[in-house]
């Protein structure tokens, strides 16, 4: 069994069309157009599978997509969702004996929200649409399903995984109470074929997922990790990124490339999780959230340097991040798995 790295060939990218106004309070109107732009970029490189809440949302999505010239290589499906962060509610695709398998974690809305009944069933719908087998991992110490989100983990495709203690081990996360790092390692081995787990400390400021790794550190090639680093000692992200850099250096065998943070992005006095590390790697491209910041160019150039075989495309994300997530949070790759 193997969990392919994100940069390996894809059959498709999965997204869900935005519809839940409380996720972008007072600012939902521009968000479908951001999604249409993401689909416009993606559909030139791979098929885009889009989940739509109902027929009216589907019709609205078709209109937005057509306006952006997206008429081919895209499929829309009526599948109800509570929210649209498919990185977390959608299963993780792995290869088992040359066949695709969906690792369908239990989803509990980041141990934060009560309304997640529809999101918890997304895996069933995706498996049916894709015609793929689906498994539901359980805790190593009981028959309870393992709670996890795709944004909490990242892999190099060769058996190494990144995650954070804040997300999976801290007292506030309420995902799998009592599960130790050794038991997580066993679960990752059983479900994803992982042989080595690297534990970082905390995620970025403003992240309501309790420290998802995809906002701070990502593999971009075997042995190469990009790490979001804050240069300003007065910013809380500075302390956190220094600690995570130390942990990566201690892990050994890694080339660590620093990504800057943009200036702090706030809305109504709330610090938002604006991070360039929330990029998405697709066939031939890297889609990067941008924030009208001077570091936009630095981040995109850095990613272009470490992934020279891909076009780097920026997507304006100041509105998007008001939903507490950006590009990686809303996408889920379907790797091209062949016998």
Protein backbone atom coordinates (compact mmCIF):
# COMPACT_ATOMS: atom_id res chain seq x y z
CA UNK A 1 0.00 0.00 0.00
CA UNK A 2 1.20 3.51 -0.80
CA UNK A 3 -0.10 7.05 -0.42
CA UNK A 4 1.09 8.91 -3.55
CA UNK A 5 2.62 12.35 -3.18
CA UNK A 6 0.55 15.28 -4.38
CA UNK A 7 2.96 16.04 -7.23
CA UNK A 8 2.48 12.60 -8.78
CA UNK A 9 0.09 12.41 -11.79
CA UNK A 10 -3.59 13.05 -11.10
CA UNK A 11 -6.70 11.70 -12.78
CA UNK A 12 -8.74 14.54 -11.30
CA UNK A 13 -9.12 17.24 -8.66
CA UNK A 14 -12.22 17.31 -6.45
CA UNK A 15 -13.83 20.49 -5.11
CA UNK A 16 -17.26 21.37 -3.69
CA UNK A 17 -19.12 24.48 -4.80
CA UNK A 18 -19.49 27.16 -2.06
CA UNK A 19 -23.00 27.62 -0.68
CA UNK A 20 -22.77 28.00 3.12
CA UNK A 21 -22.94 31.73 3.86
CA UNK A 22 -21.85 31.44 7.54
CA UNK A 23 -18.45 30.23 6.32
CA UNK A 24 -17.90 33.66 4.73
CA UNK A 25 -20.13 35.93 6.85
CA UNK A 26 -21.32 38.82 4.75
CA UNK A 27 -18.90 37.94 1.95
CA UNK A 28 -20.19 34.84 0.17
CA UNK A 29 -20.99 36.65 -3.11
CA UNK A 30 -17.43 36.78 -4.54
CA UNK A 31 -16.44 33.27 -3.43
CA UNK A 32 -18.08 31.28 -6.29
CA UNK A 33 -16.11 33.43 -8.72
CA UNK A 34 -12.88 32.51 -6.93
CA UNK A 35 -13.84 28.84 -7.30
CA UNK A 36 -14.61 29.37 -10.98
CA UNK A 37 -11.14 30.81 -11.47
CA UNK A 38 -9.59 27.82 -9.68
CA UNK A 39 -11.59 25.48 -11.93
CA UNK A 40 -10.51 27.50 -14.99
CA UNK A 41 -6.86 26.96 -14.09
CA UNK A 42 -7.29 23.28 -13.18
CA UNK A 43 -9.42 22.09 -16.09
CA UNK A 44 -6.65 22.84 -18.58
CA UNK A 45 -4.52 20.20 -16.84
CA UNK A 46 -6.88 17.60 -15.36
CA UNK A 47 -10.53 16.73 -14.91
CA UNK A 48 -12.35 18.70 -12.22
CA UNK A 49 -15.04 16.90 -10.21
CA UNK A 50 -17.40 19.35 -8.46
CA UNK A 51 -19.88 18.49 -5.71
CA UNK A 52 -22.96 20.73 -5.65
CA UNK A 53 -25.35 21.08 -2.73
CA UNK A 54 -28.51 20.82 -4.85
CA UNK A 55 -29.80 21.51 -8.36
CA UNK A 56 -29.95 25.26 -7.82
CA UNK A 57 -26.31 25.35 -6.69
CA UNK A 58 -25.41 23.19 -9.67
CA UNK A 59 -27.12 25.62 -12.06
CA UNK A 60 -25.34 28.55 -10.44
CA UNK A 61 -22.01 26.74 -10.70
CA UNK A 62 -22.56 26.01 -14.39
CA UNK A 63 -23.28 29.68 -15.01
CA UNK A 64 -20.12 30.84 -13.22
CA UNK A 65 -17.99 28.22 -14.93
CA UNK A 66 -19.34 29.10 -18.38
CA UNK A 67 -18.58 32.76 -17.73
CA UNK A 68 -14.97 31.74 -17.08
CA UNK A 69 -14.86 29.62 -20.23
CA UNK A 70 -14.95 26.29 -18.36
CA UNK A 71 -17.13 24.01 -20.50
CA UNK A 72 -15.03 20.85 -20.84
CA UNK A 73 -13.08 18.49 -18.59
CA UNK A 74 -15.39 19.25 -15.67
CA UNK A 75 -18.20 17.19 -14.12
CA UNK A 76 -20.81 18.43 -11.66
CA UNK A 77 -22.53 16.11 -9.16
CA UNK A 78 -25.40 16.83 -6.78
CA UNK A 79 -23.93 15.77 -3.43
CA UNK A 80 -25.03 17.65 -0.28
CA UNK A 81 -22.27 19.07 1.92
CA UNK A 82 -22.32 21.16 5.08
CA UNK A 83 -19.12 22.96 4.08
CA UNK A 84 -16.80 22.80 1.11
CA UNK A 85 -13.39 21.99 2.58
CA UNK A 86 -12.89 18.71 0.72
CA UNK A 87 -9.27 18.37 1.80
CA UNK A 88 -10.76 17.37 5.15
CA UNK A 89 -14.16 15.77 4.49
CA UNK A 90 -13.11 13.84 1.36
CA UNK A 91 -11.23 10.54 1.75
CA UNK A 92 -7.52 10.13 1.08
CA UNK A 93 -6.66 8.17 -2.09
CA UNK A 94 -4.08 5.41 -1.79
CA UNK A 95 -2.78 2.65 -4.04
CA UNK A 96 -3.29 -0.90 -2.82
CA UNK A 97 -1.98 -3.66 -5.08
CA UNK A 98 -2.23 -1.31 -8.05
CA UNK A 99 -5.86 -0.37 -7.42
CA UNK A 100 -7.30 2.85 -6.02
CA UNK A 101 -8.64 2.74 -2.48
CA UNK A 102 -10.36 5.52 -0.55
CA UNK A 103 -9.24 5.85 3.06
CA UNK A 104 -12.39 7.34 4.57
CA UNK A 105 -11.50 8.87 7.94
CA UNK A 106 -14.25 9.76 10.37
CA UNK A 107 -14.97 13.48 10.03
CA UNK A 108 -16.18 15.47 13.08
CA UNK A 109 -15.84 19.04 11.72
CA UNK A 110 -12.46 19.68 13.34
CA UNK A 111 -14.02 18.95 16.76
CA UNK A 112 -15.51 22.42 16.52
CA UNK A 113 -18.87 22.53 14.71
CA UNK A 114 -22.07 20.57 15.29
CA UNK A 115 -23.39 20.51 11.72
CA UNK A 116 -21.35 17.98 9.79
CA UNK A 117 -23.79 15.12 9.06
CA UNK A 118 -23.66 15.68 5.30
CA UNK A 119 -19.89 16.17 5.22
CA UNK A 120 -19.46 12.88 7.09
CA UNK A 121 -21.08 11.09 4.11
CA UNK A 122 -19.02 12.70 1.37
CA UNK A 123 -16.75 9.65 1.23
CA UNK A 124 -19.64 7.36 0.31
CA UNK A 125 -20.66 9.66 -2.54
CA UNK A 126 -17.12 10.06 -3.89
CA UNK A 127 -16.54 6.30 -3.81
CA UNK A 128 -19.75 5.72 -5.75
CA UNK A 129 -18.94 8.36 -8.37
CA UNK A 130 -15.34 7.19 -8.79
CA UNK A 131 -16.14 3.49 -8.59
CA UNK A 132 -13.41 2.99 -5.99
CA UNK A 133 -13.20 0.75 -2.94
CA UNK A 134 -13.58 2.53 0.41
CA UNK A 135 -12.24 1.58 3.84
CA UNK A 136 -12.93 3.15 7.24
CA UNK A 137 -9.83 3.05 9.48
CA UNK A 138 -10.28 2.42 13.19
CA UNK A 139 -8.18 3.38 16.19
CA UNK A 140 -5.41 0.89 17.02
CA UNK A 141 -6.73 0.63 20.57
CA UNK A 142 -10.46 0.12 19.87
CA UNK A 143 -13.09 -0.44 17.20
CA UNK A 144 -13.92 3.29 17.04
CA UNK A 145 -13.33 4.95 13.69
CA UNK A 146 -10.21 7.10 13.49
CA UNK A 147 -10.92 10.83 13.28
CA UNK A 148 -8.63 12.64 10.86
CA UNK A 149 -8.60 15.26 8.11
CA UNK A 150 -6.48 15.41 4.98
CA UNK A 151 -5.14 18.84 5.91
CA UNK A 152 -3.60 17.38 9.07
CA UNK A 153 -1.15 15.17 7.16
CA UNK A 154 1.26 15.46 4.23
CA UNK A 155 3.47 12.89 2.52
CA UNK A 156 6.49 12.55 0.24
CA UNK A 157 4.94 9.49 -1.43
CA UNK A 158 7.82 7.37 -0.15
CA UNK A 159 6.57 6.51 3.31
CA UNK A 160 7.22 9.71 5.27
CA UNK A 161 4.45 11.83 6.78
CA UNK A 162 4.31 15.31 8.31
CA UNK A 163 1.79 16.27 11.00
CA UNK A 164 1.61 18.46 14.13
CA UNK A 165 1.33 17.79 17.83
CA UNK A 166 -1.12 20.66 18.18
CA UNK A 167 -3.56 18.97 15.82
CA UNK A 168 -3.36 15.37 16.97
CA UNK A 169 -1.86 15.31 20.46
CA UNK A 170 -2.84 18.52 22.25
CA UNK A 171 -5.61 18.61 24.83
CA UNK A 172 -7.74 21.03 22.76
CA UNK A 173 -8.04 19.01 19.57
CA UNK A 174 -10.67 16.42 20.75
CA UNK A 175 -10.22 14.11 17.75
CA UNK A 176 -8.95 10.82 19.15
CA UNK A 177 -8.62 11.35 22.92
CA UNK A 178 -5.88 9.30 24.52
CA UNK A 179 -4.22 8.17 21.29
CA UNK A 180 -0.42 8.32 21.56
CA UNK A 181 2.08 9.23 18.86
CA UNK A 182 3.11 5.58 18.67
CA UNK A 183 -0.51 4.56 18.08
CA UNK A 184 -0.90 7.23 15.42
CA UNK A 185 2.23 5.89 13.74
CA UNK A 186 0.66 2.44 13.69
CA UNK A 187 -2.56 3.82 12.23
CA UNK A 188 -0.65 5.72 9.54
CA UNK A 189 1.30 2.56 8.69
CA UNK A 190 -1.84 0.42 8.47
CA UNK A 191 -3.93 2.90 6.48
CA UNK A 192 -1.37 4.78 4.37
CA UNK A 193 1.78 2.67 4.27
CA UNK A 194 3.71 5.26 6.28
CA UNK A 195 7.05 4.20 7.79
CA UNK A 196 8.21 7.48 9.35
CA UNK A 197 6.16 10.25 10.99
CA UNK A 198 7.72 13.68 11.57
CA UNK A 199 5.98 15.60 14.35
CA UNK A 200 6.00 19.38 14.09
CA UNK A 201 4.76 21.56 16.94
CA UNK A 202 2.07 24.16 16.29
CA UNK A 203 0.30 25.39 13.18
CA UNK A 204 -0.13 29.01 12.17
CA UNK A 205 -1.96 31.76 14.06
CA UNK A 206 -5.65 32.00 13.13
CA UNK A 207 -6.03 28.37 12.10
CA UNK A 208 -9.31 27.08 13.54
CA UNK A 209 -8.41 23.45 12.75
CA UNK A 210 -6.01 23.28 15.72
CA UNK A 211 -2.83 23.28 13.69
CA UNK A 212 -3.23 21.62 10.30
CA UNK A 213 0.16 20.98 8.75
CA UNK A 214 -0.90 22.13 5.27
CA UNK A 215 -0.76 25.76 6.42
CA UNK A 216 2.85 25.51 7.56
CA UNK A 217 4.91 22.70 5.99
CA UNK A 218 4.64 20.72 2.76
CA UNK A 219 6.68 18.20 0.86
CA UNK A 220 7.42 19.38 -2.70
CA UNK A 221 9.79 16.55 -3.68
CA UNK A 222 11.33 13.53 -1.94
CA UNK A 223 13.42 14.90 0.90
CA UNK A 224 12.40 18.53 0.26
CA UNK A 225 10.04 20.43 2.58
CA UNK A 226 8.90 24.03 2.29
CA UNK A 227 8.26 25.64 5.67
CA UNK A 228 6.34 28.85 6.35
CA UNK A 229 8.68 31.08 8.36
CA UNK A 230 7.85 34.43 9.96
CA UNK A 231 10.78 36.85 10.16
CA UNK A 232 9.19 39.33 12.58
CA UNK A 233 10.00 38.35 16.21
CA UNK A 234 6.94 40.30 17.38
CA UNK A 235 4.62 38.00 15.42
CA UNK A 236 3.52 34.79 17.17
CA UNK A 237 4.21 32.84 13.98
CA UNK A 238 7.92 33.61 14.46
CA UNK A 239 8.23 31.47 17.58
CA UNK A 240 6.19 28.68 16.05
CA UNK A 241 8.12 28.57 12.79
CA UNK A 242 11.48 28.61 14.61
CA UNK A 243 10.39 25.58 16.61
CA UNK A 244 9.16 23.76 13.50
CA UNK A 245 12.41 24.52 11.67
CA UNK A 246 14.35 23.00 14.57
CA UNK A 247 12.19 19.88 14.44
CA UNK A 248 12.69 19.43 10.70
CA UNK A 249 16.44 19.88 11.04
CA UNK A 250 16.49 17.35 13.87
CA UNK A 251 14.56 14.85 11.72
CA UNK A 252 17.55 14.71 9.38
CA UNK A 253 17.83 13.94 5.70
CA UNK A 254 15.67 16.88 4.63
CA UNK A 255 16.31 19.99 2.61
CA UNK A 256 14.19 22.72 4.20
CA UNK A 257 13.20 25.69 2.01
CA UNK A 258 11.73 28.72 3.76
CA UNK A 259 8.52 30.36 2.55
CA UNK A 260 7.62 33.79 3.92
CA UNK A 261 4.27 34.64 5.44
CA UNK A 262 2.26 37.55 4.08
CA UNK A 263 1.55 40.43 6.41
CA UNK A 264 -1.15 39.59 8.95
CA UNK A 265 -4.59 39.41 7.30
CA UNK A 266 -7.48 40.38 9.58
CA UNK A 267 -11.23 40.68 9.26
CA UNK A 268 -13.38 42.30 11.93
CA UNK A 269 -10.41 42.12 14.29
CA UNK A 270 -9.89 38.39 13.72
CA UNK A 271 -6.48 37.08 12.58
CA UNK A 272 -6.95 34.79 9.59
CA UNK A 273 -4.73 31.82 8.60
CA UNK A 274 -3.14 33.47 5.57
CA UNK A 275 -0.26 31.27 4.41
CA UNK A 276 1.44 30.58 1.11
CA UNK A 277 2.01 26.99 2.27
CA UNK A 278 -1.64 26.27 1.46
CA UNK A 279 -0.78 25.83 -2.23
CA UNK A 280 -2.08 22.93 -4.34
CA UNK A 281 0.05 20.86 -6.74
CA UNK A 282 -1.77 19.58 -9.84
CA UNK A 283 -0.66 18.21 -13.20
CA UNK A 284 1.86 20.70 -14.54
CA UNK A 285 0.91 23.53 -12.18
CA UNK A 286 1.09 24.84 -8.64
CA UNK A 287 -1.81 27.04 -7.52
CA UNK A 288 -0.76 29.48 -4.79
CA UNK A 289 -2.96 31.71 -2.59
CA UNK A 290 -1.94 35.38 -2.84
CA UNK A 291 -2.80 38.26 -0.52
CA UNK A 292 -1.96 41.57 -2.26
CA UNK A 293 1.33 41.48 -0.38
CA UNK A 294 4.93 42.12 -1.41
CA UNK A 295 5.77 38.58 -0.34
CA UNK A 296 3.36 37.16 -2.95
CA UNK A 297 6.14 37.37 -5.52
CA UNK A 298 8.76 35.96 -3.14
CA UNK A 299 6.58 32.95 -2.32
CA UNK A 300 5.71 32.23 -5.95
CA UNK A 301 9.34 32.52 -7.04
CA UNK A 302 10.42 30.21 -4.21
CA UNK A 303 7.88 27.57 -5.26
CA UNK A 304 8.90 27.96 -8.90
CA UNK A 305 12.50 27.29 -7.90
CA UNK A 306 11.71 24.07 -6.03
CA UNK A 307 9.20 22.83 -8.64
CA UNK A 308 10.76 24.04 -11.92
CA UNK A 309 8.73 21.62 -14.05
CA UNK A 310 5.46 23.36 -13.13
CA UNK A 311 3.75 26.62 -13.95
CA UNK A 312 3.09 28.64 -10.79
CA UNK A 313 -0.31 30.39 -10.77
CA UNK A 314 -1.48 32.82 -8.11
CA UNK A 315 -5.12 33.02 -6.99
CA UNK A 316 -6.27 36.08 -5.03
CA UNK A 317 -7.27 34.71 -1.60
CA UNK A 318 -8.00 37.70 0.66
CA UNK A 319 -11.74 37.03 0.34
CA UNK A 320 -11.28 33.25 0.36
CA UNK A 321 -9.31 33.15 3.62
CA UNK A 322 -12.23 34.81 5.44
CA UNK A 323 -13.62 31.25 5.33
CA UNK A 324 -10.52 30.17 7.32
CA UNK A 325 -9.04 28.19 4.47
CA UNK A 326 -7.62 28.64 0.97
CA UNK A 327 -6.47 26.58 -2.03
CA UNK A 328 -5.21 23.35 -0.48
CA UNK A 329 -8.05 23.25 2.03
CA UNK A 330 -10.70 23.22 -0.71
CA UNK A 331 -9.10 20.67 -3.06
CA UNK A 332 -8.51 16.92 -2.94
CA UNK A 333 -6.46 15.11 -5.56
CA UNK A 334 -7.38 11.82 -7.20
CA UNK A 335 -4.03 10.27 -8.12
CA UNK A 336 -3.65 8.34 -11.34
CA UNK A 337 -3.34 4.80 -10.02
CA UNK A 338 -2.72 2.10 -12.63
CA UNK A 339 -2.23 -1.66 -12.38
